[in-house]
């Protein structure tokens, strides 16, 4: 891999990682920016920071297709497990850029430095997750880019680019929280098929993601408190305005509550979204 470019500021390092189309470079830049931010050797911003792109840097593949065209495959075949891991790699890659984007886009927001600590920790761990899943794909004779993927996650980020509270509600407390609902079942199915290596990776991701949803819930509540708004009611209002898809049970209420996302936030939205 080519040497990392000079990182001058938190916003500059985060933006450079978002721009990187080489995925080894992207994950390395994300983690190095996080390390340097935690060591307090970076300024928040610099006049020489690159502009945030409309879309993150990506390699030529995978081909991006609408979510409804994604093929469903059984986890009881190796092809099916590769398809699941490929979809997971795509989610984790987007998650790297989403964590970096919330840092780079909102460095002028009136929030404590610990806000950026939280999201750079998330970016560091999402980069780790992407590498773990990609390495597992390679173990199985495949690689990221071999199959099509969909673009729904980045669309959600684009739709909430001007509103930090909406970004936290939709990307963190809906889309990321969904991972807490589905991952335990996927782990169990992987173990049933004898693929313990993939199940172990899912275990690492699941435990980290609880922390990521917790970061989202913490700062969502912080922003609501500052505006003297009820967090659960504000969440429901933002979801109705900014989220396109349905909210579908079953919910992993225990893991969600552990992350600070109680049923008062999302239960009332189920009937509305399914009507």
C-alpha atoms as a PDB file:
ATOM      1  CA  UNK A   1       0.000   0.000   0.000  1.00  0.00           C
ATOM      2  CA  UNK A   2       1.203   3.538  -0.763  1.00  0.00           C
ATOM      3  CA  UNK A   3       2.211   5.631   2.288  1.00  0.00           C
ATOM      4  CA  UNK A   4      -0.572   7.502   4.070  1.00  0.00           C
ATOM      5  CA  UNK A   5      -0.946  11.164   3.117  1.00  0.00           C
ATOM      6  CA  UNK A   6      -0.100  13.790   5.734  1.00  0.00           C
ATOM      7  CA  UNK A   7      -2.944  14.187   8.239  1.00  0.00           C
ATOM      8  CA  UNK A   8      -3.204  17.794   9.374  1.00  0.00           C
ATOM      9  CA  UNK A   9      -6.495  17.879  11.261  1.00  0.00           C
ATOM     10  CA  UNK A  10      -9.365  15.684  12.418  1.00  0.00           C
ATOM     11  CA  UNK A  11     -11.633  16.958   9.672  1.00  0.00           C
ATOM     12  CA  UNK A  12      -8.837  16.621   7.093  1.00  0.00           C
ATOM     13  CA  UNK A  13      -7.986  13.048   8.052  1.00  0.00           C
ATOM     14  CA  UNK A  14     -11.635  11.985   8.165  1.00  0.00           C
ATOM     15  CA  UNK A  15     -12.330  13.594   4.773  1.00  0.00           C
ATOM     16  CA  UNK A  16      -9.226  12.052   3.177  1.00  0.00           C
ATOM     17  CA  UNK A  17     -10.399   8.620   4.370  1.00  0.00           C
ATOM     18  CA  UNK A  18     -13.881   9.213   2.924  1.00  0.00           C
ATOM     19  CA  UNK A  19     -12.335  10.257  -0.407  1.00  0.00           C
ATOM     20  CA  UNK A  20     -10.032   7.208  -0.631  1.00  0.00           C
ATOM     21  CA  UNK A  21     -11.166   4.708  -3.281  1.00  0.00           C
ATOM     22  CA  UNK A  22      -8.480   2.199  -2.236  1.00  0.00           C
ATOM     23  CA  UNK A  23     -10.142   0.344   0.626  1.00  0.00           C
ATOM     24  CA  UNK A  24      -6.894  -0.575   2.387  1.00  0.00           C
ATOM     25  CA  UNK A  25      -6.002   3.129   2.303  1.00  0.00           C
ATOM     26  CA  UNK A  26      -9.483   4.103   3.523  1.00  0.00           C
ATOM     27  CA  UNK A  27      -9.402   1.831   6.569  1.00  0.00           C
ATOM     28  CA  UNK A  28      -5.780   2.699   7.382  1.00  0.00           C
ATOM     29  CA  UNK A  29      -6.508   6.447   7.180  1.00  0.00           C
ATOM     30  CA  UNK A  30      -9.608   6.048   9.362  1.00  0.00           C
ATOM     31  CA  UNK A  31      -7.656   4.201  12.048  1.00  0.00           C
ATOM     32  CA  UNK A  32      -4.585   6.448  11.917  1.00  0.00           C
ATOM     33  CA  UNK A  33      -6.747   9.592  12.170  1.00  0.00           C
ATOM     34  CA  UNK A  34      -8.473   8.028  15.177  1.00  0.00           C
ATOM     35  CA  UNK A  35      -5.148   7.158  16.850  1.00  0.00           C
ATOM     36  CA  UNK A  36      -3.796  10.657  16.343  1.00  0.00           C
ATOM     37  CA  UNK A  37      -7.018  12.281  17.515  1.00  0.00           C
ATOM     38  CA  UNK A  38      -6.997  10.175  20.695  1.00  0.00           C
ATOM     39  CA  UNK A  39      -3.333  11.129  21.236  1.00  0.00           C
ATOM     40  CA  UNK A  40      -4.428  14.792  20.911  1.00  0.00           C
ATOM     41  CA  UNK A  41      -1.857  15.478  18.171  1.00  0.00           C
ATOM     42  CA  UNK A  42      -4.440  16.798  15.666  1.00  0.00           C
ATOM     43  CA  UNK A  43      -6.274  20.105  15.479  1.00  0.00           C
ATOM     44  CA  UNK A  44     -10.027  19.979  14.872  1.00  0.00           C
ATOM     45  CA  UNK A  45      -9.904  21.765  11.495  1.00  0.00           C
ATOM     46  CA  UNK A  46      -7.403  23.302   9.081  1.00  0.00           C
ATOM     47  CA  UNK A  47      -7.929  25.824   6.252  1.00  0.00           C
ATOM     48  CA  UNK A  48      -6.273  23.273   3.942  1.00  0.00           C
ATOM     49  CA  UNK A  49      -8.808  20.493   4.636  1.00  0.00           C
ATOM     50  CA  UNK A  50     -10.247  18.957   1.432  1.00  0.00           C
ATOM     51  CA  UNK A  51     -13.930  19.514   0.686  1.00  0.00           C
ATOM     52  CA  UNK A  52     -16.350  16.764   1.696  1.00  0.00           C
ATOM     53  CA  UNK A  53     -17.441  14.736  -1.343  1.00  0.00           C
ATOM     54  CA  UNK A  54     -21.077  14.065  -2.271  1.00  0.00           C
ATOM     55  CA  UNK A  55     -20.206  10.366  -2.345  1.00  0.00           C
ATOM     56  CA  UNK A  56     -17.368   8.420  -0.704  1.00  0.00           C
ATOM     57  CA  UNK A  57     -14.474   7.024  -2.724  1.00  0.00           C
ATOM     58  CA  UNK A  58     -15.104   3.490  -3.968  1.00  0.00           C
ATOM     59  CA  UNK A  59     -13.405   0.932  -6.208  1.00  0.00           C
ATOM     60  CA  UNK A  60     -15.043   0.084  -9.555  1.00  0.00           C
ATOM     61  CA  UNK A  61     -16.789  -2.936  -8.058  1.00  0.00           C
ATOM     62  CA  UNK A  62     -19.223  -3.925  -6.611  1.00  0.00           C
ATOM     63  CA  UNK A  63     -21.974  -2.902  -8.972  1.00  0.00           C
ATOM     64  CA  UNK A  64     -24.649  -0.981  -7.037  1.00  0.00           C
ATOM     65  CA  UNK A  65     -28.249  -2.068  -7.627  1.00  0.00           C
ATOM     66  CA  UNK A  66     -31.624  -1.264  -5.950  1.00  0.00           C
ATOM     67  CA  UNK A  67     -32.184  -3.213  -2.667  1.00  0.00           C
ATOM     68  CA  UNK A  68     -35.236  -5.018  -4.108  1.00  0.00           C
ATOM     69  CA  UNK A  69     -33.043  -6.598  -6.820  1.00  0.00           C
ATOM     70  CA  UNK A  70     -30.670  -8.200  -4.314  1.00  0.00           C
ATOM     71  CA  UNK A  71     -30.799 -11.985  -4.588  1.00  0.00           C
ATOM     72  CA  UNK A  72     -31.601 -13.977  -1.435  1.00  0.00           C
ATOM     73  CA  UNK A  73     -29.590 -17.143  -0.830  1.00  0.00           C
ATOM     74  CA  UNK A  74     -29.656 -19.907   1.768  1.00  0.00           C
ATOM     75  CA  UNK A  75     -26.957 -19.809   4.444  1.00  0.00           C
ATOM     76  CA  UNK A  76     -26.817 -23.605   4.211  1.00  0.00           C
ATOM     77  CA  UNK A  77     -24.691 -23.311   1.060  1.00  0.00           C
ATOM     78  CA  UNK A  78     -21.199 -21.820   0.841  1.00  0.00           C
ATOM     79  CA  UNK A  79     -22.431 -19.480  -1.921  1.00  0.00           C
ATOM     80  CA  UNK A  80     -25.146 -18.257   0.422  1.00  0.00           C
ATOM     81  CA  UNK A  81     -22.677 -17.630   3.237  1.00  0.00           C
ATOM     82  CA  UNK A  82     -20.378 -15.757   0.846  1.00  0.00           C
ATOM     83  CA  UNK A  83     -23.356 -13.633  -0.264  1.00  0.00           C
ATOM     84  CA  UNK A  84     -24.187 -12.792   3.358  1.00  0.00           C
ATOM     85  CA  UNK A  85     -20.567 -11.934   4.164  1.00  0.00           C
ATOM     86  CA  UNK A  86     -20.357  -9.793   1.035  1.00  0.00           C
ATOM     87  CA  UNK A  87     -23.483  -7.878   2.071  1.00  0.00           C
ATOM     88  CA  UNK A  88     -22.017  -7.486   5.553  1.00  0.00           C
ATOM     89  CA  UNK A  89     -18.697  -6.209   4.153  1.00  0.00           C
ATOM     90  CA  UNK A  90     -20.641  -3.614   2.169  1.00  0.00           C
ATOM     91  CA  UNK A  91     -22.537  -2.510   5.297  1.00  0.00           C
ATOM     92  CA  UNK A  92     -19.308  -2.231   7.284  1.00  0.00           C
ATOM     93  CA  UNK A  93     -17.588  -0.259   4.511  1.00  0.00           C
ATOM     94  CA  UNK A  94     -20.478   2.198   4.463  1.00  0.00           C
ATOM     95  CA  UNK A  95     -20.341   2.325   8.248  1.00  0.00           C
ATOM     96  CA  UNK A  96     -16.691   3.460   8.090  1.00  0.00           C
ATOM     97  CA  UNK A  97     -17.646   6.359   5.825  1.00  0.00           C
ATOM     98  CA  UNK A  98     -20.771   7.189   7.850  1.00  0.00           C
ATOM     99  CA  UNK A  99     -18.777   7.502  11.090  1.00  0.00           C
ATOM    100  CA  UNK A 100     -16.136   9.629   9.343  1.00  0.00           C
ATOM    101  CA  UNK A 101     -18.801  11.781   7.679  1.00  0.00           C
ATOM    102  CA  UNK A 102     -20.506  12.649  10.969  1.00  0.00           C
ATOM    103  CA  UNK A 103     -17.096  13.824  12.238  1.00  0.00           C
ATOM    104  CA  UNK A 104     -16.006  15.767   9.155  1.00  0.00           C
ATOM    105  CA  UNK A 105     -19.435  17.264   8.399  1.00  0.00           C
ATOM    106  CA  UNK A 106     -20.214  18.464  11.898  1.00  0.00           C
ATOM    107  CA  UNK A 107     -16.863  19.789  13.217  1.00  0.00           C
ATOM    108  CA  UNK A 108     -18.469  23.255  13.422  1.00  0.00           C
ATOM    109  CA  UNK A 109     -21.364  21.934  15.534  1.00  0.00           C
ATOM    110  CA  UNK A 110     -21.572  23.149  19.132  1.00  0.00           C
ATOM    111  CA  UNK A 111     -20.687  19.826  20.796  1.00  0.00           C
ATOM    112  CA  UNK A 112     -17.960  18.711  23.261  1.00  0.00           C
ATOM    113  CA  UNK A 113     -14.740  17.078  22.012  1.00  0.00           C
ATOM    114  CA  UNK A 114     -16.004  13.813  23.463  1.00  0.00           C
ATOM    115  CA  UNK A 115     -18.584  13.763  20.635  1.00  0.00           C
ATOM    116  CA  UNK A 116     -15.704  13.326  18.168  1.00  0.00           C
ATOM    117  CA  UNK A 117     -13.968  10.821  20.478  1.00  0.00           C
ATOM    118  CA  UNK A 118     -17.044   8.610  20.278  1.00  0.00           C
ATOM    119  CA  UNK A 119     -17.394   8.728  16.505  1.00  0.00           C
ATOM    120  CA  UNK A 120     -13.695   8.196  15.818  1.00  0.00           C
ATOM    121  CA  UNK A 121     -13.836   5.110  18.047  1.00  0.00           C
ATOM    122  CA  UNK A 122     -16.792   3.946  15.934  1.00  0.00           C
ATOM    123  CA  UNK A 123     -14.848   4.647  12.705  1.00  0.00           C
ATOM    124  CA  UNK A 124     -11.831   2.723  14.043  1.00  0.00           C
ATOM    125  CA  UNK A 125     -13.974  -0.310  14.897  1.00  0.00           C
ATOM    126  CA  UNK A 126     -15.971  -0.243  11.636  1.00  0.00           C
ATOM    127  CA  UNK A 127     -12.652  -0.307   9.735  1.00  0.00           C
ATOM    128  CA  UNK A 128     -11.653  -3.343  11.828  1.00  0.00           C
ATOM    129  CA  UNK A 129     -14.999  -5.019  11.012  1.00  0.00           C
ATOM    130  CA  UNK A 130     -14.611  -4.446   7.271  1.00  0.00           C
ATOM    131  CA  UNK A 131     -11.146  -5.994   7.304  1.00  0.00           C
ATOM    132  CA  UNK A 132     -12.311  -9.003   9.337  1.00  0.00           C
ATOM    133  CA  UNK A 133     -15.202  -9.721   6.958  1.00  0.00           C
ATOM    134  CA  UNK A 134     -13.097  -9.147   3.841  1.00  0.00           C
ATOM    135  CA  UNK A 135     -10.402 -11.499   5.139  1.00  0.00           C
ATOM    136  CA  UNK A 136     -13.070 -14.125   5.781  1.00  0.00           C
ATOM    137  CA  UNK A 137     -14.407 -13.710   2.228  1.00  0.00           C
ATOM    138  CA  UNK A 138     -10.875 -14.279   0.941  1.00  0.00           C
ATOM    139  CA  UNK A 139     -10.585 -17.421   3.107  1.00  0.00           C
ATOM    140  CA  UNK A 140     -13.642 -18.710   1.234  1.00  0.00           C
ATOM    141  CA  UNK A 141     -12.142 -17.922  -2.182  1.00  0.00           C
ATOM    142  CA  UNK A 142     -14.106 -14.713  -2.750  1.00  0.00           C
ATOM    143  CA  UNK A 143     -13.543 -10.977  -2.258  1.00  0.00           C
ATOM    144  CA  UNK A 144     -15.444  -7.762  -1.734  1.00  0.00           C
ATOM    145  CA  UNK A 145     -16.674  -6.554  -5.146  1.00  0.00           C
ATOM    146  CA  UNK A 146     -17.460 -10.037  -6.511  1.00  0.00           C
ATOM    147  CA  UNK A 147     -21.225  -9.586  -6.023  1.00  0.00           C
ATOM    148  CA  UNK A 148     -23.624  -6.650  -6.474  1.00  0.00           C
ATOM    149  CA  UNK A 149     -24.528  -4.458  -3.477  1.00  0.00           C
ATOM    150  CA  UNK A 150     -27.117  -1.760  -2.747  1.00  0.00           C
ATOM    151  CA  UNK A 151     -26.747   1.918  -1.879  1.00  0.00           C
ATOM    152  CA  UNK A 152     -29.446   2.490   0.742  1.00  0.00           C
ATOM    153  CA  UNK A 153     -27.104   3.336   3.631  1.00  0.00           C
ATOM    154  CA  UNK A 154     -25.327   6.169   1.884  1.00  0.00           C
ATOM    155  CA  UNK A 155     -28.660   7.527   0.635  1.00  0.00           C
ATOM    156  CA  UNK A 156     -29.788   7.853   4.266  1.00  0.00           C
ATOM    157  CA  UNK A 157     -26.621   9.803   5.070  1.00  0.00           C
ATOM    158  CA  UNK A 158     -27.135  12.117   2.093  1.00  0.00           C
ATOM    159  CA  UNK A 159     -30.774  12.767   3.072  1.00  0.00           C
ATOM    160  CA  UNK A 160     -29.746  13.855   6.606  1.00  0.00           C
ATOM    161  CA  UNK A 161     -26.592  15.797   5.686  1.00  0.00           C
ATOM    162  CA  UNK A 162     -27.930  19.119   6.998  1.00  0.00           C
ATOM    163  CA  UNK A 163     -29.387  17.948  10.319  1.00  0.00           C
ATOM    164  CA  UNK A 164     -27.252  16.234  12.958  1.00  0.00           C
ATOM    165  CA  UNK A 165     -30.236  15.164  15.061  1.00  0.00           C
ATOM    166  CA  UNK A 166     -31.928  13.566  12.042  1.00  0.00           C
ATOM    167  CA  UNK A 167     -28.633  11.880  11.077  1.00  0.00           C
ATOM    168  CA  UNK A 168     -28.378  10.300  14.531  1.00  0.00           C
ATOM    169  CA  UNK A 169     -32.027   9.208  14.495  1.00  0.00           C
ATOM    170  CA  UNK A 170     -32.046   7.584  11.051  1.00  0.00           C
ATOM    171  CA  UNK A 171     -28.517   6.242  10.577  1.00  0.00           C
ATOM    172  CA  UNK A 172     -27.673   5.322  14.160  1.00  0.00           C
ATOM    173  CA  UNK A 173     -30.949   4.579  15.925  1.00  0.00           C
ATOM    174  CA  UNK A 174     -32.763   2.895  13.032  1.00  0.00           C
ATOM    175  CA  UNK A 175     -30.283   1.448  10.540  1.00  0.00           C
ATOM    176  CA  UNK A 176     -27.498   0.534  12.948  1.00  0.00           C
ATOM    177  CA  UNK A 177     -29.922  -0.634  15.631  1.00  0.00           C
ATOM    178  CA  UNK A 178     -31.354  -3.027  13.038  1.00  0.00           C
ATOM    179  CA  UNK A 179     -28.058  -4.900  13.183  1.00  0.00           C
ATOM    180  CA  UNK A 180     -28.721  -5.653  16.860  1.00  0.00           C
ATOM    181  CA  UNK A 181     -32.041  -7.257  15.847  1.00  0.00           C
ATOM    182  CA  UNK A 182     -30.774  -9.535  13.071  1.00  0.00           C
ATOM    183  CA  UNK A 183     -27.205 -10.473  14.016  1.00  0.00           C
ATOM    184  CA  UNK A 184     -27.912 -13.036  16.793  1.00  0.00           C
ATOM    185  CA  UNK A 185     -30.053 -15.109  14.384  1.00  0.00           C
ATOM    186  CA  UNK A 186     -27.381 -14.932  11.689  1.00  0.00           C
ATOM    187  CA  UNK A 187     -24.735 -16.030  14.222  1.00  0.00           C
ATOM    188  CA  UNK A 188     -26.867 -19.002  15.205  1.00  0.00           C
ATOM    189  CA  UNK A 189     -27.432 -20.018  11.560  1.00  0.00           C
ATOM    190  CA  UNK A 190     -23.715 -19.753  10.804  1.00  0.00           C
ATOM    191  CA  UNK A 191     -22.917 -22.021  13.757  1.00  0.00           C
ATOM    192  CA  UNK A 192     -25.607 -24.507  12.646  1.00  0.00           C
ATOM    193  CA  UNK A 193     -23.882 -24.805   9.264  1.00  0.00           C
ATOM    194  CA  UNK A 194     -20.503 -25.351  10.973  1.00  0.00           C
ATOM    195  CA  UNK A 195     -19.088 -21.977   9.894  1.00  0.00           C
ATOM    196  CA  UNK A 196     -17.756 -21.021  13.326  1.00  0.00           C
ATOM    197  CA  UNK A 197     -15.139 -18.646  11.889  1.00  0.00           C
ATOM    198  CA  UNK A 198     -17.825 -16.409  10.365  1.00  0.00           C
ATOM    199  CA  UNK A 199     -19.971 -16.690  13.492  1.00  0.00           C
ATOM    200  CA  UNK A 200     -17.029 -15.537  15.638  1.00  0.00           C
ATOM    201  CA  UNK A 201     -16.627 -12.439  13.437  1.00  0.00           C
ATOM    202  CA  UNK A 202     -20.340 -11.700  13.779  1.00  0.00           C
ATOM    203  CA  UNK A 203     -19.894 -11.958  17.548  1.00  0.00           C
ATOM    204  CA  UNK A 204     -17.172  -9.271  17.521  1.00  0.00           C
ATOM    205  CA  UNK A 205     -19.317  -7.021  15.315  1.00  0.00           C
ATOM    206  CA  UNK A 206     -22.432  -7.517  17.459  1.00  0.00           C
ATOM    207  CA  UNK A 207     -20.682  -6.571  20.696  1.00  0.00           C
ATOM    208  CA  UNK A 208     -19.053  -3.507  19.137  1.00  0.00           C
ATOM    209  CA  UNK A 209     -22.301  -2.396  17.488  1.00  0.00           C
ATOM    210  CA  UNK A 210     -24.061  -2.213  20.853  1.00  0.00           C
ATOM    211  CA  UNK A 211     -21.483   0.405  21.763  1.00  0.00           C
ATOM    212  CA  UNK A 212     -22.028   2.235  18.468  1.00  0.00           C
ATOM    213  CA  UNK A 213     -25.791   2.470  18.980  1.00  0.00           C
ATOM    214  CA  UNK A 214     -25.059   3.677  22.518  1.00  0.00           C
ATOM    215  CA  UNK A 215     -22.909   6.512  21.130  1.00  0.00           C
ATOM    216  CA  UNK A 216     -25.777   7.474  18.837  1.00  0.00           C
ATOM    217  CA  UNK A 217     -28.353   7.340  21.641  1.00  0.00           C
ATOM    218  CA  UNK A 218     -26.117   9.366  24.004  1.00  0.00           C
ATOM    219  CA  UNK A 219     -25.653  12.242  21.577  1.00  0.00           C
ATOM    220  CA  UNK A 220     -29.232  12.149  20.350  1.00  0.00           C
ATOM    221  CA  UNK A 221     -30.388  12.597  23.950  1.00  0.00           C
ATOM    222  CA  UNK A 222     -27.756  15.328  24.466  1.00  0.00           C
ATOM    223  CA  UNK A 223     -29.037  17.345  21.491  1.00  0.00           C
ATOM    224  CA  UNK A 224     -32.676  16.879  22.553  1.00  0.00           C
ATOM    225  CA  UNK A 225     -31.863  18.009  26.107  1.00  0.00           C
ATOM    226  CA  UNK A 226     -30.119  21.108  24.774  1.00  0.00           C
ATOM    227  CA  UNK A 227     -33.239  22.004  22.783  1.00  0.00           C
ATOM    228  CA  UNK A 228     -35.480  20.997  25.729  1.00  0.00           C
ATOM    229  CA  UNK A 229     -37.225  18.376  23.597  1.00  0.00           C
ATOM    230  CA  UNK A 230     -38.532  14.952  24.584  1.00  0.00           C
ATOM    231  CA  UNK A 231     -36.112  12.448  22.973  1.00  0.00           C
ATOM    232  CA  UNK A 232     -38.619   9.661  22.225  1.00  0.00           C
ATOM    233  CA  UNK A 233     -41.191  12.056  20.716  1.00  0.00           C
ATOM    234  CA  UNK A 234     -38.465  13.854  18.715  1.00  0.00           C
ATOM    235  CA  UNK A 235     -37.152  10.531  17.423  1.00  0.00           C
ATOM    236  CA  UNK A 236     -40.604   9.491  16.199  1.00  0.00           C
ATOM    237  CA  UNK A 237     -41.131  12.866  14.498  1.00  0.00           C
ATOM    238  CA  UNK A 238     -37.733  12.736  12.745  1.00  0.00           C
ATOM    239  CA  UNK A 239     -38.291   9.156  11.593  1.00  0.00           C
ATOM    240  CA  UNK A 240     -41.655  10.010  10.060  1.00  0.00           C
ATOM    241  CA  UNK A 241     -40.060  12.941   8.222  1.00  0.00           C
ATOM    242  CA  UNK A 242     -36.734  11.440   7.171  1.00  0.00           C
ATOM    243  CA  UNK A 243     -36.999   7.646   6.948  1.00  0.00           C
ATOM    244  CA  UNK A 244     -38.370   5.978   3.843  1.00  0.00           C
ATOM    245  CA  UNK A 245     -38.646   2.322   4.791  1.00  0.00           C
ATOM    246  CA  UNK A 246     -40.795   0.455   7.302  1.00  0.00           C
ATOM    247  CA  UNK A 247     -39.790  -0.366  10.877  1.00  0.00           C
ATOM    248  CA  UNK A 248     -40.248  -4.105  11.185  1.00  0.00           C
ATOM    249  CA  UNK A 249     -40.240  -6.297  14.285  1.00  0.00           C
ATOM    250  CA  UNK A 250     -38.902  -8.460  15.819  1.00  0.00           C
ATOM    251  CA  UNK A 251     -36.751  -6.080  17.850  1.00  0.00           C
ATOM    252  CA  UNK A 252     -33.904  -7.116  20.140  1.00  0.00           C
ATOM    253  CA  UNK A 253     -35.333  -5.063  23.000  1.00  0.00           C
ATOM    254  CA  UNK A 254     -32.656  -6.166  25.491  1.00  0.00           C
ATOM    255  CA  UNK A 255     -29.681  -5.172  23.312  1.00  0.00           C
ATOM    256  CA  UNK A 256     -31.400  -1.955  22.245  1.00  0.00           C
ATOM    257  CA  UNK A 257     -32.124  -0.993  25.865  1.00  0.00           C
ATOM    258  CA  UNK A 258     -28.526  -1.805  26.810  1.00  0.00           C
ATOM    259  CA  UNK A 259     -27.526   0.782  24.189  1.00  0.00           C
ATOM    260  CA  UNK A 260     -29.974   3.363  25.582  1.00  0.00           C
ATOM    261  CA  UNK A 261     -32.684   2.851  22.948  1.00  0.00           C
ATOM    262  CA  UNK A 262     -35.850   1.972  24.893  1.00  0.00           C
ATOM    263  CA  UNK A 263     -39.127   0.736  23.329  1.00  0.00           C
ATOM    264  CA  UNK A 264     -40.727   4.169  23.884  1.00  0.00           C
ATOM    265  CA  UNK A 265     -38.625   5.349  20.935  1.00  0.00           C
ATOM    266  CA  UNK A 266     -39.639   2.838  18.279  1.00  0.00           C
ATOM    267  CA  UNK A 267     -42.650   0.718  19.254  1.00  0.00           C
ATOM    268  CA  UNK A 268     -45.230   3.372  18.323  1.00  0.00           C
ATOM    269  CA  UNK A 269     -43.722   3.612  14.825  1.00  0.00           C
ATOM    270  CA  UNK A 270     -44.365   0.003  13.853  1.00  0.00           C
ATOM    271  CA  UNK A 271     -48.094   0.298  13.154  1.00  0.00           C
ATOM    272  CA  UNK A 272     -47.578   3.639  11.399  1.00  0.00           C
ATOM    273  CA  UNK A 273     -44.839   2.302   9.135  1.00  0.00           C
ATOM    274  CA  UNK A 274     -46.768  -0.858   8.296  1.00  0.00           C
ATOM    275  CA  UNK A 275     -50.102   0.822   7.617  1.00  0.00           C
END
